[in-house]
Amino acid sequence: MAPDGKSIDRGSARLVNEGNGREANKLIKVGGWYYLVFSEHKPGIGRYVMARRSRKVTGPYKEEKQLALPGVEAMEPNQGGIVEGRDGRWYFFTHHGTGDWGGRIASLLPVTWIDGWPIIGQVLDTGIGTMKWGGDMPFLADERLAIRRSDDFDEGVLGPQWQWNHQPRADFFSLEERPGWLRLKAFRPLEADQLMKAGNTLTQRTFRQTENEVTVKMDISGMADGQKAGLCHFSGQHSALGVVKEKGDCRLEYRKNGEVRQGAMVKAKHVWLRTRWGLDGLSHYSYSLDGDRFLPFGEPYQMVWGNYKGDRVGIYCFNDNGEAGHVDVDYLHYR
């Protein structure tokens, strides 16, 4: 690597590891050894953690050791890094290879050094590690950290909890045109009436807690004919509760994949949309026209795993007719 870090001399590169199904390479140095830790997969067996070591960073990495079993029943904990904790012990921080509607869950497994090799998890008689399901926290801090979820859109930028489902168009959303509100302007999706092919869907991840509730307050007075906007869940499948405007009138609409069910007319300027779920990942939608009394609408929706991710909750806005109409979002409260 060049001294300024901006270029690499490819001619000086040295191959230290290759193989079909290998990924997630990590290089660490412990006690005079360089350890190349990586994930490997064999058909019919699963994905597991391997390591090679050398006294020199450039190799040769001739010594090799399997650090953990595939652990298919534990959703294959394999991609991650070996770190030293504040308690002086070693750990493997990993996210699991597969998951469910909650996503790829992270685990912290103990590491036991045996004959100079970092064995991951519970050490078996064979000298290989396997998934360990419990243990003491390595460090208890006084500072409590929290992940941001709710947003009143009072700041000039979107919070770090938000991600767009597609590349955003900067001139089709605003936090400045109506201070304290998020304005989403509608444009045509890649495919007509396809929520998952629509831009301007602002999302964040869902969490696996006993009780979850997401409520959105929207001003729909700026909607145009052909426009649809509301609250949604999506991953490999999707559902949504929102408002559609047709021939000058607004009405409720529940969507589940390709099925659409229309509801009552909405004459009010504001509408509140809500989704609630528990540990089962079963979403129940409801709506309100006064922010107080919520009425259920649409069938329960089972969140699912998809595209290596868990469920996402989001706010959507699109128009099959073209670039027309907008909605203003006062807040999304995630309890």
C-alpha atoms as a PDB file:
ATOM      1  CA  MET A   1       0.000   0.000   0.000  1.00  0.00           C
ATOM      2  CA  ALA A   2       1.237   3.467  -0.832  1.00  0.00           C
ATOM      3  CA  PRO A   3       2.245   5.694   2.133  1.00  0.00           C
ATOM      4  CA  ASP A   4      -0.839   7.889   1.598  1.00  0.00           C
ATOM      5  CA  GLY A   5      -3.101   4.816   1.507  1.00  0.00           C
ATOM      6  CA  LYS A   6      -4.639   5.820  -1.830  1.00  0.00           C
ATOM      7  CA  SER A   7      -3.226   3.114  -4.049  1.00  0.00           C
ATOM      8  CA  ILE A   8      -1.992  -0.481  -4.000  1.00  0.00           C
ATOM      9  CA  ASP A   9       0.959  -1.952  -5.857  1.00  0.00           C
ATOM     10  CA  ARG A  10      -0.711  -5.056  -7.271  1.00  0.00           C
ATOM     11  CA  GLY A  11       2.645  -6.481  -8.279  1.00  0.00           C
ATOM     12  CA  SER A  12       3.668  -6.799  -4.651  1.00  0.00           C
ATOM     13  CA  ALA A  13       0.461  -8.602  -3.626  1.00  0.00           C
ATOM     14  CA  ARG A  14       0.835 -12.092  -2.172  1.00  0.00           C
ATOM     15  CA  LEU A  15      -2.024 -14.598  -2.119  1.00  0.00           C
ATOM     16  CA  VAL A  16      -2.426 -16.079   1.374  1.00  0.00           C
ATOM     17  CA  ASN A  17      -5.803 -17.835   1.182  1.00  0.00           C
ATOM     18  CA  GLU A  18      -8.146 -19.063  -1.536  1.00  0.00           C
ATOM     19  CA  GLY A  19     -10.817 -21.700  -1.911  1.00  0.00           C
ATOM     20  CA  ASN A  20     -14.361 -22.277  -3.106  1.00  0.00           C
ATOM     21  CA  GLY A  21     -16.879 -21.144  -0.473  1.00  0.00           C
ATOM     22  CA  ARG A  22     -14.364 -19.210   1.654  1.00  0.00           C
ATOM     23  CA  GLU A  23     -15.268 -15.741   2.878  1.00  0.00           C
ATOM     24  CA  ALA A  24     -15.210 -13.332   5.838  1.00  0.00           C
ATOM     25  CA  ASN A  25     -11.413 -13.233   6.136  1.00  0.00           C
ATOM     26  CA  LYS A  26     -10.019 -11.577   9.270  1.00  0.00           C
ATOM     27  CA  LEU A  27      -6.325 -11.163  10.116  1.00  0.00           C
ATOM     28  CA  ILE A  28      -5.240 -10.787  13.756  1.00  0.00           C
ATOM     29  CA  LYS A  29      -1.877 -10.950  15.526  1.00  0.00           C
ATOM     30  CA  VAL A  30      -1.630 -12.601  18.935  1.00  0.00           C
ATOM     31  CA  GLY A  31       1.574 -13.616  20.727  1.00  0.00           C
ATOM     32  CA  GLY A  32       3.846 -13.505  17.727  1.00  0.00           C
ATOM     33  CA  TRP A  33       1.443 -15.386  15.440  1.00  0.00           C
ATOM     34  CA  TYR A  34      -0.596 -14.011  12.557  1.00  0.00           C
ATOM     35  CA  TYR A  35      -3.973 -15.770  12.411  1.00  0.00           C
ATOM     36  CA  LEU A  36      -6.063 -15.713   9.265  1.00  0.00           C
ATOM     37  CA  VAL A  37      -9.606 -16.512  10.433  1.00  0.00           C
ATOM     38  CA  PHE A  38     -12.217 -17.237   7.779  1.00  0.00           C
ATOM     39  CA  SER A  39     -15.532 -18.936   7.068  1.00  0.00           C
ATOM     40  CA  GLU A  40     -15.741 -22.025   4.867  1.00  0.00           C
ATOM     41  CA  HIS A  41     -18.648 -23.955   3.409  1.00  0.00           C
ATOM     42  CA  LYS A  42     -19.020 -27.522   2.231  1.00  0.00           C
ATOM     43  CA  PRO A  43     -22.241 -28.774   0.557  1.00  0.00           C
ATOM     44  CA  GLY A  44     -24.302 -30.963   2.855  1.00  0.00           C
ATOM     45  CA  ILE A  45     -22.230 -29.986   5.892  1.00  0.00           C
ATOM     46  CA  GLY A  46     -22.774 -26.285   6.394  1.00  0.00           C
ATOM     47  CA  ARG A  47     -20.642 -23.228   7.114  1.00  0.00           C
ATOM     48  CA  TYR A  48     -18.001 -23.230   9.831  1.00  0.00           C
ATOM     49  CA  VAL A  49     -14.977 -21.267  11.070  1.00  0.00           C
ATOM     50  CA  MET A  50     -11.390 -22.077  10.123  1.00  0.00           C
ATOM     51  CA  ALA A  51      -7.992 -20.502  10.866  1.00  0.00           C
ATOM     52  CA  ARG A  52      -4.521 -20.589   9.377  1.00  0.00           C
ATOM     53  CA  ARG A  53      -1.435 -19.162  11.046  1.00  0.00           C
ATOM     54  CA  SER A  54       2.065 -17.950  10.272  1.00  0.00           C
ATOM     55  CA  ARG A  55       4.928 -16.144  11.987  1.00  0.00           C
ATOM     56  CA  LYS A  56       5.000 -13.643   9.115  1.00  0.00           C
ATOM     57  CA  VAL A  57       2.091 -11.595   7.836  1.00  0.00           C
ATOM     58  CA  THR A  58       2.959 -12.571   4.279  1.00  0.00           C
ATOM     59  CA  GLY A  59       2.984 -16.284   5.125  1.00  0.00           C
ATOM     60  CA  PRO A  60       3.325 -19.014   4.284  1.00  0.00           C
ATOM     61  CA  TYR A  61       0.139 -20.030   6.178  1.00  0.00           C
ATOM     62  CA  LYS A  62       0.801 -23.745   6.194  1.00  0.00           C
ATOM     63  CA  GLU A  63      -0.802 -24.622   9.564  1.00  0.00           C
ATOM     64  CA  GLU A  64      -4.586 -24.899   9.500  1.00  0.00           C
ATOM     65  CA  LYS A  65      -7.198 -25.636  12.182  1.00  0.00           C
ATOM     66  CA  GLN A  66     -10.977 -25.921  12.294  1.00  0.00           C
ATOM     67  CA  LEU A  67     -12.189 -23.712  15.159  1.00  0.00           C
ATOM     68  CA  ALA A  68     -15.897 -24.586  15.273  1.00  0.00           C
ATOM     69  CA  LEU A  69     -18.471 -27.038  13.947  1.00  0.00           C
ATOM     70  CA  PRO A  70     -21.035 -25.919  11.337  1.00  0.00           C
ATOM     71  CA  GLY A  71     -23.833 -25.518  13.922  1.00  0.00           C
ATOM     72  CA  VAL A  72     -26.713 -25.704  11.447  1.00  0.00           C
ATOM     73  CA  GLU A  73     -29.213 -25.887  14.315  1.00  0.00           C
ATOM     74  CA  ALA A  74     -27.791 -22.586  15.611  1.00  0.00           C
ATOM     75  CA  MET A  75     -28.225 -20.920  12.205  1.00  0.00           C
ATOM     76  CA  GLU A  76     -24.508 -21.208  11.463  1.00  0.00           C
ATOM     77  CA  PRO A  77     -22.632 -18.653  13.594  1.00  0.00           C
ATOM     78  CA  ASN A  78     -19.581 -18.171  11.386  1.00  0.00           C
ATOM     79  CA  GLN A  79     -18.927 -14.651  10.118  1.00  0.00           C
ATOM     80  CA  GLY A  80     -17.318 -12.358  12.646  1.00  0.00           C
ATOM     81  CA  GLY A  81     -14.136 -11.431  14.469  1.00  0.00           C
ATOM     82  CA  ILE A  82     -12.057 -12.611  17.413  1.00  0.00           C
ATOM     83  CA  VAL A  83     -11.578  -9.844  19.988  1.00  0.00           C
ATOM     84  CA  GLU A  84     -10.133  -9.440  23.469  1.00  0.00           C
ATOM     85  CA  GLY A  85     -12.649  -8.216  26.053  1.00  0.00           C
ATOM     86  CA  ARG A  86     -12.123  -5.696  28.819  1.00  0.00           C
ATOM     87  CA  ASP A  87     -12.109  -8.635  31.216  1.00  0.00           C
ATOM     88  CA  GLY A  88      -8.917  -9.952  29.583  1.00  0.00           C
ATOM     89  CA  ARG A  89     -10.741 -12.916  28.015  1.00  0.00           C
ATOM     90  CA  TRP A  90     -11.213 -13.605  24.343  1.00  0.00           C
ATOM     91  CA  TYR A  91     -14.497 -13.720  22.414  1.00  0.00           C
ATOM     92  CA  PHE A  92     -15.874 -14.364  18.955  1.00  0.00           C
ATOM     93  CA  PHE A  93     -18.414 -11.731  17.948  1.00  0.00           C
ATOM     94  CA  THR A  94     -20.558 -13.130  15.154  1.00  0.00           C
ATOM     95  CA  HIS A  95     -23.808 -12.760  13.313  1.00  0.00           C
ATOM     96  CA  HIS A  96     -25.533 -15.955  12.302  1.00  0.00           C
ATOM     97  CA  GLY A  97     -25.493 -17.148   8.708  1.00  0.00           C
ATOM     98  CA  THR A  98     -29.267 -17.354   8.426  1.00  0.00           C
ATOM     99  CA  GLY A  99     -32.207 -15.940  10.341  1.00  0.00           C
ATOM    100  CA  ASP A 100     -35.930 -15.258  10.439  1.00  0.00           C
ATOM    101  CA  TRP A 101     -38.130 -12.152  10.550  1.00  0.00           C
ATOM    102  CA  GLY A 102     -35.867 -10.732  13.265  1.00  0.00           C
ATOM    103  CA  GLY A 103     -32.879 -10.738  10.930  1.00  0.00           C
ATOM    104  CA  ARG A 104     -29.396 -12.159  11.401  1.00  0.00           C
ATOM    105  CA  ILE A 105     -29.028 -12.183  15.168  1.00  0.00           C
ATOM    106  CA  ALA A 106     -25.616 -11.480  16.726  1.00  0.00           C
ATOM    107  CA  SER A 107     -23.912 -13.670  19.342  1.00  0.00           C
ATOM    108  CA  LEU A 108     -20.855 -13.388  21.552  1.00  0.00           C
ATOM    109  CA  LEU A 109     -19.096 -16.743  22.008  1.00  0.00           C
ATOM    110  CA  PRO A 110     -16.200 -17.432  24.378  1.00  0.00           C
ATOM    111  CA  VAL A 111     -12.808 -18.242  22.864  1.00  0.00           C
ATOM    112  CA  THR A 112     -10.467 -20.764  24.535  1.00  0.00           C
ATOM    113  CA  TRP A 113      -6.832 -20.795  23.473  1.00  0.00           C
ATOM    114  CA  ILE A 114      -5.689 -24.417  23.095  1.00  0.00           C
ATOM    115  CA  ASP A 115      -2.187 -25.190  21.796  1.00  0.00           C
ATOM    116  CA  GLY A 116      -2.023 -21.717  20.327  1.00  0.00           C
ATOM    117  CA  TRP A 117      -5.367 -21.911  18.510  1.00  0.00           C
ATOM    118  CA  PRO A 118      -8.511 -19.833  19.358  1.00  0.00           C
ATOM    119  CA  ILE A 119     -11.255 -22.463  19.749  1.00  0.00           C
ATOM    120  CA  ILE A 120     -14.730 -20.918  19.504  1.00  0.00           C
ATOM    121  CA  GLY A 121     -17.655 -21.652  21.841  1.00  0.00           C
ATOM    122  CA  GLN A 122     -17.963 -24.762  23.985  1.00  0.00           C
ATOM    123  CA  VAL A 123     -14.874 -26.939  23.514  1.00  0.00           C
ATOM    124  CA  LEU A 124     -15.647 -30.579  22.690  1.00  0.00           C
ATOM    125  CA  ASP A 125     -13.461 -33.594  23.420  1.00  0.00           C
ATOM    126  CA  THR A 126     -12.342 -33.484  19.798  1.00  0.00           C
ATOM    127  CA  GLY A 127     -10.779 -30.070  20.396  1.00  0.00           C
ATOM    128  CA  ILE A 128     -13.292 -28.274  18.154  1.00  0.00           C
ATOM    129  CA  GLY A 129     -15.766 -25.690  19.394  1.00  0.00           C
ATOM    130  CA  THR A 130     -19.541 -25.617  19.075  1.00  0.00           C
ATOM    131  CA  MET A 131     -22.322 -23.136  19.804  1.00  0.00           C
ATOM    132  CA  LYS A 132     -22.564 -22.034  23.453  1.00  0.00           C
ATOM    133  CA  TRP A 133     -25.956 -20.605  24.361  1.00  0.00           C
ATOM    134  CA  GLY A 134     -25.230 -18.799  27.623  1.00  0.00           C
ATOM    135  CA  GLY A 135     -22.559 -17.092  29.686  1.00  0.00           C
ATOM    136  CA  ASP A 136     -21.650 -14.096  31.823  1.00  0.00           C
ATOM    137  CA  MET A 137     -21.516 -10.638  30.328  1.00  0.00           C
ATOM    138  CA  PRO A 138     -17.828  -9.769  29.885  1.00  0.00           C
ATOM    139  CA  PHE A 139     -18.241  -6.164  31.004  1.00  0.00           C
ATOM    140  CA  LEU A 140     -20.969  -4.104  32.667  1.00  0.00           C
ATOM    141  CA  ALA A 141     -20.763  -0.389  31.927  1.00  0.00           C
ATOM    142  CA  ASP A 142     -22.457   2.454  33.785  1.00  0.00           C
ATOM    143  CA  GLU A 143     -23.302   4.162  30.504  1.00  0.00           C
ATOM    144  CA  ARG A 144     -26.477   2.872  28.876  1.00  0.00           C
ATOM    145  CA  LEU A 145     -26.672   3.080  25.100  1.00  0.00           C
ATOM    146  CA  ALA A 146     -29.841   3.031  23.030  1.00  0.00           C
ATOM    147  CA  ILE A 147     -30.700   2.645  19.358  1.00  0.00           C
ATOM    148  CA  ARG A 148     -32.707   5.517  17.926  1.00  0.00           C
ATOM    149  CA  ARG A 149     -36.124   4.518  16.627  1.00  0.00           C
ATOM    150  CA  SER A 150     -38.740   7.284  16.952  1.00  0.00           C
ATOM    151  CA  ASP A 151     -38.420  10.485  14.931  1.00  0.00           C
ATOM    152  CA  ASP A 152     -40.359  13.762  15.167  1.00  0.00           C
ATOM    153  CA  PHE A 153     -38.488  15.116  12.117  1.00  0.00           C
ATOM    154  CA  ASP A 154     -37.492  18.270  13.987  1.00  0.00           C
ATOM    155  CA  GLU A 155     -33.846  18.091  12.894  1.00  0.00           C
ATOM    156  CA  GLY A 156     -32.474  19.203   9.555  1.00  0.00           C
ATOM    157  CA  VAL A 157     -31.296  15.720   8.618  1.00  0.00           C
ATOM    158  CA  LEU A 158     -32.722  12.235   8.867  1.00  0.00           C
ATOM    159  CA  GLY A 159     -31.644  10.225  11.908  1.00  0.00           C
ATOM    160  CA  PRO A 160     -29.158   7.328  11.632  1.00  0.00           C
ATOM    161  CA  GLN A 161     -31.933   4.752  12.128  1.00  0.00           C
ATOM    162  CA  TRP A 162     -33.316   5.448   8.657  1.00  0.00           C
ATOM    163  CA  GLN A 163     -32.458   3.837   5.313  1.00  0.00           C
ATOM    164  CA  TRP A 164     -34.093   4.222   1.906  1.00  0.00           C
ATOM    165  CA  ASN A 165     -35.308   1.060   0.217  1.00  0.00           C
ATOM    166  CA  HIS A 166     -34.079   2.421  -3.142  1.00  0.00           C
ATOM    167  CA  GLN A 167     -31.643   5.137  -4.138  1.00  0.00           C
ATOM    168  CA  PRO A 168     -33.364   8.375  -3.021  1.00  0.00           C
ATOM    169  CA  ARG A 169     -34.110  11.342  -5.265  1.00  0.00           C
ATOM    170  CA  ALA A 170     -32.910  14.327  -3.236  1.00  0.00           C
ATOM    171  CA  ASP A 171     -35.526  16.723  -4.618  1.00  0.00           C
ATOM    172  CA  PHE A 172     -38.434  14.427  -3.752  1.00  0.00           C
ATOM    173  CA  PHE A 173     -38.179  14.571   0.033  1.00  0.00           C
ATOM    174  CA  SER A 174     -37.654  17.499   2.358  1.00  0.00           C
ATOM    175  CA  LEU A 175     -37.304  18.365   6.041  1.00  0.00           C
ATOM    176  CA  GLU A 176     -37.251  22.104   5.290  1.00  0.00           C
ATOM    177  CA  GLU A 177     -40.350  22.857   3.187  1.00  0.00           C
ATOM    178  CA  ARG A 178     -42.515  22.306   6.261  1.00  0.00           C
ATOM    179  CA  PRO A 179     -40.329  22.513   9.391  1.00  0.00           C
ATOM    180  CA  GLY A 180     -41.067  19.755  11.899  1.00  0.00           C
ATOM    181  CA  TRP A 181     -42.487  17.483   9.196  1.00  0.00           C
ATOM    182  CA  LEU A 182     -41.027  15.087   6.634  1.00  0.00           C
ATOM    183  CA  ARG A 183     -42.414  15.808   3.172  1.00  0.00           C
ATOM    184  CA  LEU A 184     -42.439  12.840   0.778  1.00  0.00           C
ATOM    185  CA  LYS A 185     -43.216  13.720  -2.843  1.00  0.00           C
ATOM    186  CA  ALA A 186     -44.668  11.034  -5.053  1.00  0.00           C
ATOM    187  CA  PHE A 187     -43.262   9.721  -8.316  1.00  0.00           C
ATOM    188  CA  ARG A 188     -43.948   6.729 -10.531  1.00  0.00           C
ATOM    189  CA  PRO A 189     -42.630   3.298  -9.370  1.00  0.00           C
ATOM    190  CA  LEU A 190     -40.560   1.070 -11.656  1.00  0.00           C
ATOM    191  CA  GLU A 191     -43.671  -1.095 -12.038  1.00  0.00           C
ATOM    192  CA  ALA A 192     -47.204   0.213 -11.635  1.00  0.00           C
ATOM    193  CA  ASP A 193     -48.828  -0.365  -8.246  1.00  0.00           C
ATOM    194  CA  GLN A 194     -45.784  -2.272  -6.954  1.00  0.00           C
ATOM    195  CA  LEU A 195     -44.765  -1.115  -3.477  1.00  0.00           C
ATOM    196  CA  MET A 196     -41.431  -2.946  -3.594  1.00  0.00           C
ATOM    197  CA  LYS A 197     -40.561  -1.227  -6.891  1.00  0.00           C
ATOM    198  CA  ALA A 198     -41.389   2.254  -5.575  1.00  0.00           C
ATOM    199  CA  GLY A 199     -38.903   4.902  -4.498  1.00  0.00           C
ATOM    200  CA  ASN A 200     -39.348   7.193  -1.495  1.00  0.00           C
ATOM    201  CA  THR A 201     -39.878   4.313   0.936  1.00  0.00           C
ATOM    202  CA  LEU A 202     -38.089   5.296   4.129  1.00  0.00           C
ATOM    203  CA  THR A 203     -37.384   2.349   6.416  1.00  0.00           C
ATOM    204  CA  GLN A 204     -35.786   1.088   9.604  1.00  0.00           C
ATOM    205  CA  ARG A 205     -35.376  -2.338  11.130  1.00  0.00           C
ATOM    206  CA  THR A 206     -37.890  -4.004  13.415  1.00  0.00           C
ATOM    207  CA  PHE A 207     -37.028  -5.495  16.793  1.00  0.00           C
ATOM    208  CA  ARG A 208     -37.935  -8.691  18.571  1.00  0.00           C
ATOM    209  CA  GLN A 209     -39.544  -7.503  21.802  1.00  0.00           C
ATOM    210  CA  THR A 210     -42.593  -8.667  23.740  1.00  0.00           C
ATOM    211  CA  GLU A 211     -44.563  -5.598  22.682  1.00  0.00           C
ATOM    212  CA  ASN A 212     -43.841  -3.352  19.704  1.00  0.00           C
ATOM    213  CA  GLU A 213     -45.901  -0.446  18.402  1.00  0.00           C
ATOM    214  CA  VAL A 214     -45.159   1.905  15.514  1.00  0.00           C
ATOM    215  CA  THR A 215     -47.478   4.870  14.920  1.00  0.00           C
ATOM    216  CA  VAL A 216     -47.272   7.367  12.066  1.00  0.00           C
ATOM    217  CA  LYS A 217     -49.168  10.651  11.800  1.00  0.00           C
ATOM    218  CA  MET A 218     -49.655  11.872   8.221  1.00  0.00           C
ATOM    219  CA  ASP A 219     -51.169  14.945   6.606  1.00  0.00           C
ATOM    220  CA  ILE A 220     -52.781  13.694   3.384  1.00  0.00           C
ATOM    221  CA  SER A 221     -54.233  17.016   2.191  1.00  0.00           C
ATOM    222  CA  GLY A 222     -51.521  17.345  -0.477  1.00  0.00           C
ATOM    223  CA  MET A 223     -52.177  14.004  -2.144  1.00  0.00           C
ATOM    224  CA  ALA A 224     -52.936  13.821  -5.885  1.00  0.00           C
ATOM    225  CA  ASP A 225     -54.940  11.347  -7.931  1.00  0.00           C
ATOM    226  CA  GLY A 226     -53.057   8.075  -8.382  1.00  0.00           C
ATOM    227  CA  GLN A 227     -51.008   8.603  -5.231  1.00  0.00           C
ATOM    228  CA  LYS A 228     -50.625   6.005  -2.482  1.00  0.00           C
ATOM    229  CA  ALA A 229     -48.936   6.515   0.881  1.00  0.00           C
ATOM    230  CA  GLY A 230     -48.835   4.827   4.259  1.00  0.00           C
ATOM    231  CA  LEU A 231     -47.115   2.445   6.652  1.00  0.00           C
ATOM    232  CA  CYS A 232     -45.598  -0.866   5.554  1.00  0.00           C
ATOM    233  CA  HIS A 233     -43.637  -3.985   6.499  1.00  0.00           C
ATOM    234  CA  PHE A 234     -41.384  -5.751   4.003  1.00  0.00           C
ATOM    235  CA  SER A 235     -38.587  -8.248   3.438  1.00  0.00           C
ATOM    236  CA  GLY A 236     -39.132 -11.302   1.236  1.00  0.00           C
ATOM    237  CA  GLN A 237     -42.844 -10.395   1.317  1.00  0.00           C
ATOM    238  CA  HIS A 238     -44.669  -7.209   2.244  1.00  0.00           C
ATOM    239  CA  SER A 239     -47.838  -5.667   3.628  1.00  0.00           C
ATOM    240  CA  ALA A 240     -49.083  -2.116   4.052  1.00  0.00           C
ATOM    241  CA  LEU A 241     -51.868   0.020   5.443  1.00  0.00           C
ATOM    242  CA  GLY A 242     -52.278   3.363   3.743  1.00  0.00           C
ATOM    243  CA  VAL A 243     -54.361   5.860   1.831  1.00  0.00           C
ATOM    244  CA  VAL A 244     -55.014   5.948  -1.917  1.00  0.00           C
ATOM    245  CA  LYS A 245     -56.479   8.949  -3.789  1.00  0.00           C
ATOM    246  CA  GLU A 246     -58.658   8.304  -6.828  1.00  0.00           C
ATOM    247  CA  LYS A 247     -61.016  10.705  -8.644  1.00  0.00           C
ATOM    248  CA  GLY A 248     -60.514  13.312  -5.977  1.00  0.00           C
ATOM    249  CA  ASP A 249     -61.387  11.062  -3.045  1.00  0.00           C
ATOM    250  CA  CYS A 250     -59.165   9.383  -0.455  1.00  0.00           C
ATOM    251  CA  ARG A 251     -59.823   5.975   0.994  1.00  0.00           C
ATOM    252  CA  LEU A 252     -58.038   3.405   3.121  1.00  0.00           C
ATOM    253  CA  GLU A 253     -56.180   0.558   1.443  1.00  0.00           C
ATOM    254  CA  TYR A 254     -54.661  -2.626   2.864  1.00  0.00           C
ATOM    255  CA  ARG A 255     -52.030  -4.389   0.787  1.00  0.00           C
ATOM    256  CA  LYS A 256     -50.523  -7.853   1.216  1.00  0.00           C
ATOM    257  CA  ASN A 257     -48.137  -8.820  -1.549  1.00  0.00           C
ATOM    258  CA  GLY A 258     -50.286  -8.694  -4.694  1.00  0.00           C
ATOM    259  CA  GLU A 259     -53.634  -8.540  -2.905  1.00  0.00           C
ATOM    260  CA  VAL A 260     -55.319  -5.182  -2.311  1.00  0.00           C
ATOM    261  CA  ARG A 261     -58.350  -4.520  -0.114  1.00  0.00           C
ATOM    262  CA  GLN A 262     -60.026  -1.100  -0.055  1.00  0.00           C
ATOM    263  CA  GLY A 263     -61.620   0.375   3.025  1.00  0.00           C
ATOM    264  CA  ALA A 264     -63.558   3.395   4.209  1.00  0.00           C
ATOM    265  CA  MET A 265     -63.429   6.861   2.701  1.00  0.00           C
ATOM    266  CA  VAL A 266     -61.161   9.340   4.501  1.00  0.00           C
ATOM    267  CA  LYS A 267     -62.452  12.903   4.640  1.00  0.00           C
ATOM    268  CA  ALA A 268     -60.100  14.103   7.385  1.00  0.00           C
ATOM    269  CA  LYS A 269     -56.873  16.013   6.755  1.00  0.00           C
ATOM    270  CA  HIS A 270     -54.851  13.850   9.122  1.00  0.00           C
ATOM    271  CA  VAL A 271     -54.661  10.088   9.489  1.00  0.00           C
ATOM    272  CA  TRP A 272     -52.812   7.968  12.035  1.00  0.00           C
ATOM    273  CA  LEU A 273     -51.561   4.520  11.012  1.00  0.00           C
ATOM    274  CA  ARG A 274     -50.320   1.883  13.437  1.00  0.00           C
ATOM    275  CA  THR A 275     -48.754  -1.574  13.439  1.00  0.00           C
ATOM    276  CA  ARG A 276     -48.317  -3.736  16.551  1.00  0.00           C
ATOM    277  CA  TRP A 277     -46.515  -7.061  16.973  1.00  0.00           C
ATOM    278  CA  GLY A 278     -44.959  -9.313  19.606  1.00  0.00           C
ATOM    279  CA  LEU A 279     -42.428 -12.110  19.787  1.00  0.00           C
ATOM    280  CA  ASP A 280     -44.374 -14.033  17.154  1.00  0.00           C
ATOM    281  CA  GLY A 281     -43.699 -11.387  14.508  1.00  0.00           C
ATOM    282  CA  LEU A 282     -47.398 -11.133  13.659  1.00  0.00           C
ATOM    283  CA  SER A 283     -48.318  -7.569  12.694  1.00  0.00           C
ATOM    284  CA  HIS A 284     -51.771  -6.114  13.401  1.00  0.00           C
ATOM    285  CA  TYR A 285     -52.637  -2.884  11.572  1.00  0.00           C
ATOM    286  CA  SER A 286     -55.037  -0.191  12.723  1.00  0.00           C
ATOM    287  CA  TYR A 287     -55.906   3.416  11.850  1.00  0.00           C
ATOM    288  CA  SER A 288     -57.329   6.516  13.490  1.00  0.00           C
ATOM    289  CA  LEU A 289     -58.844   9.769  12.277  1.00  0.00           C
ATOM    290  CA  ASP A 290     -58.414  11.588  15.585  1.00  0.00           C
ATOM    291  CA  GLY A 291     -55.177  10.137  16.990  1.00  0.00           C
ATOM    292  CA  ASP A 292     -57.046   8.583  19.901  1.00  0.00           C
ATOM    293  CA  ARG A 293     -59.459   5.864  18.779  1.00  0.00           C
ATOM    294  CA  PHE A 294     -57.805   3.214  16.602  1.00  0.00           C
ATOM    295  CA  LEU A 295     -59.761   0.734  14.497  1.00  0.00           C
ATOM    296  CA  PRO A 296     -58.288  -2.487  13.083  1.00  0.00           C
ATOM    297  CA  PHE A 297     -58.108  -2.917   9.332  1.00  0.00           C
ATOM    298  CA  GLY A 298     -56.639  -5.675   7.193  1.00  0.00           C
ATOM    299  CA  GLU A 299     -55.687  -9.196   8.197  1.00  0.00           C
ATOM    300  CA  PRO A 300     -52.743 -10.015  10.492  1.00  0.00           C
ATOM    301  CA  TYR A 301     -49.446 -10.164   8.596  1.00  0.00           C
ATOM    302  CA  GLN A 302     -46.696 -12.650   9.438  1.00  0.00           C
ATOM    303  CA  MET A 303     -43.317 -10.986   9.072  1.00  0.00           C
ATOM    304  CA  VAL A 304     -40.756 -13.125   7.254  1.00  0.00           C
ATOM    305  CA  TRP A 305     -37.081 -13.424   6.391  1.00  0.00           C
ATOM    306  CA  GLY A 306     -35.905 -12.308   2.960  1.00  0.00           C
ATOM    307  CA  ASN A 307     -32.814 -11.231   1.023  1.00  0.00           C
ATOM    308  CA  TYR A 308     -30.546 -12.044   3.999  1.00  0.00           C
ATOM    309  CA  LYS A 309     -32.475  -9.555   6.115  1.00  0.00           C
ATOM    310  CA  GLY A 310     -35.271  -9.542   8.627  1.00  0.00           C
ATOM    311  CA  ASP A 311     -38.428  -7.441   8.458  1.00  0.00           C
ATOM    312  CA  ARG A 312     -38.312  -3.692   7.821  1.00  0.00           C
ATOM    313  CA  VAL A 313     -40.945  -1.167   8.814  1.00  0.00           C
ATOM    314  CA  GLY A 314     -41.326   1.907   6.648  1.00  0.00           C
ATOM    315  CA  ILE A 315     -43.239   4.875   5.257  1.00  0.00           C
ATOM    316  CA  TYR A 316     -44.037   4.743   1.545  1.00  0.00           C
ATOM    317  CA  CYS A 317     -45.241   7.261  -1.029  1.00  0.00           C
ATOM    318  CA  PHE A 318     -45.672   6.772  -4.796  1.00  0.00           C
ATOM    319  CA  ASN A 319     -47.975   7.708  -7.674  1.00  0.00           C
ATOM    320  CA  ASP A 320     -48.753   5.442 -10.626  1.00  0.00           C
ATOM    321  CA  ASN A 321     -49.760   8.464 -12.727  1.00  0.00           C
ATOM    322  CA  GLY A 322     -46.482  10.370 -12.459  1.00  0.00           C
ATOM    323  CA  GLU A 323     -44.734  13.028 -10.395  1.00  0.00           C
ATOM    324  CA  ALA A 324     -47.669  14.509  -8.513  1.00  0.00           C
ATOM    325  CA  GLY A 325     -48.770  14.900  -4.913  1.00  0.00           C
ATOM    326  CA  HIS A 326     -47.097  14.638  -1.545  1.00  0.00           C
ATOM    327  CA  VAL A 327     -47.710  13.638   2.069  1.00  0.00           C
ATOM    328  CA  ASP A 328     -46.332  15.267   5.201  1.00  0.00           C
ATOM    329  CA  VAL A 329     -45.283  13.033   8.105  1.00  0.00           C
ATOM    330  CA  ASP A 330     -45.400  14.657  11.527  1.00  0.00           C
ATOM    331  CA  TYR A 331     -43.760  11.755  13.338  1.00  0.00           C
ATOM    332  CA  LEU A 332     -43.057   8.064  13.526  1.00  0.00           C
ATOM    333  CA  HIS A 333     -43.161   6.870  17.117  1.00  0.00           C
ATOM    334  CA  TYR A 334     -41.690   3.434  17.801  1.00  0.00           C
ATOM    335  CA  ARG A 335     -42.618   2.134  21.239  1.00  0.00           C
END
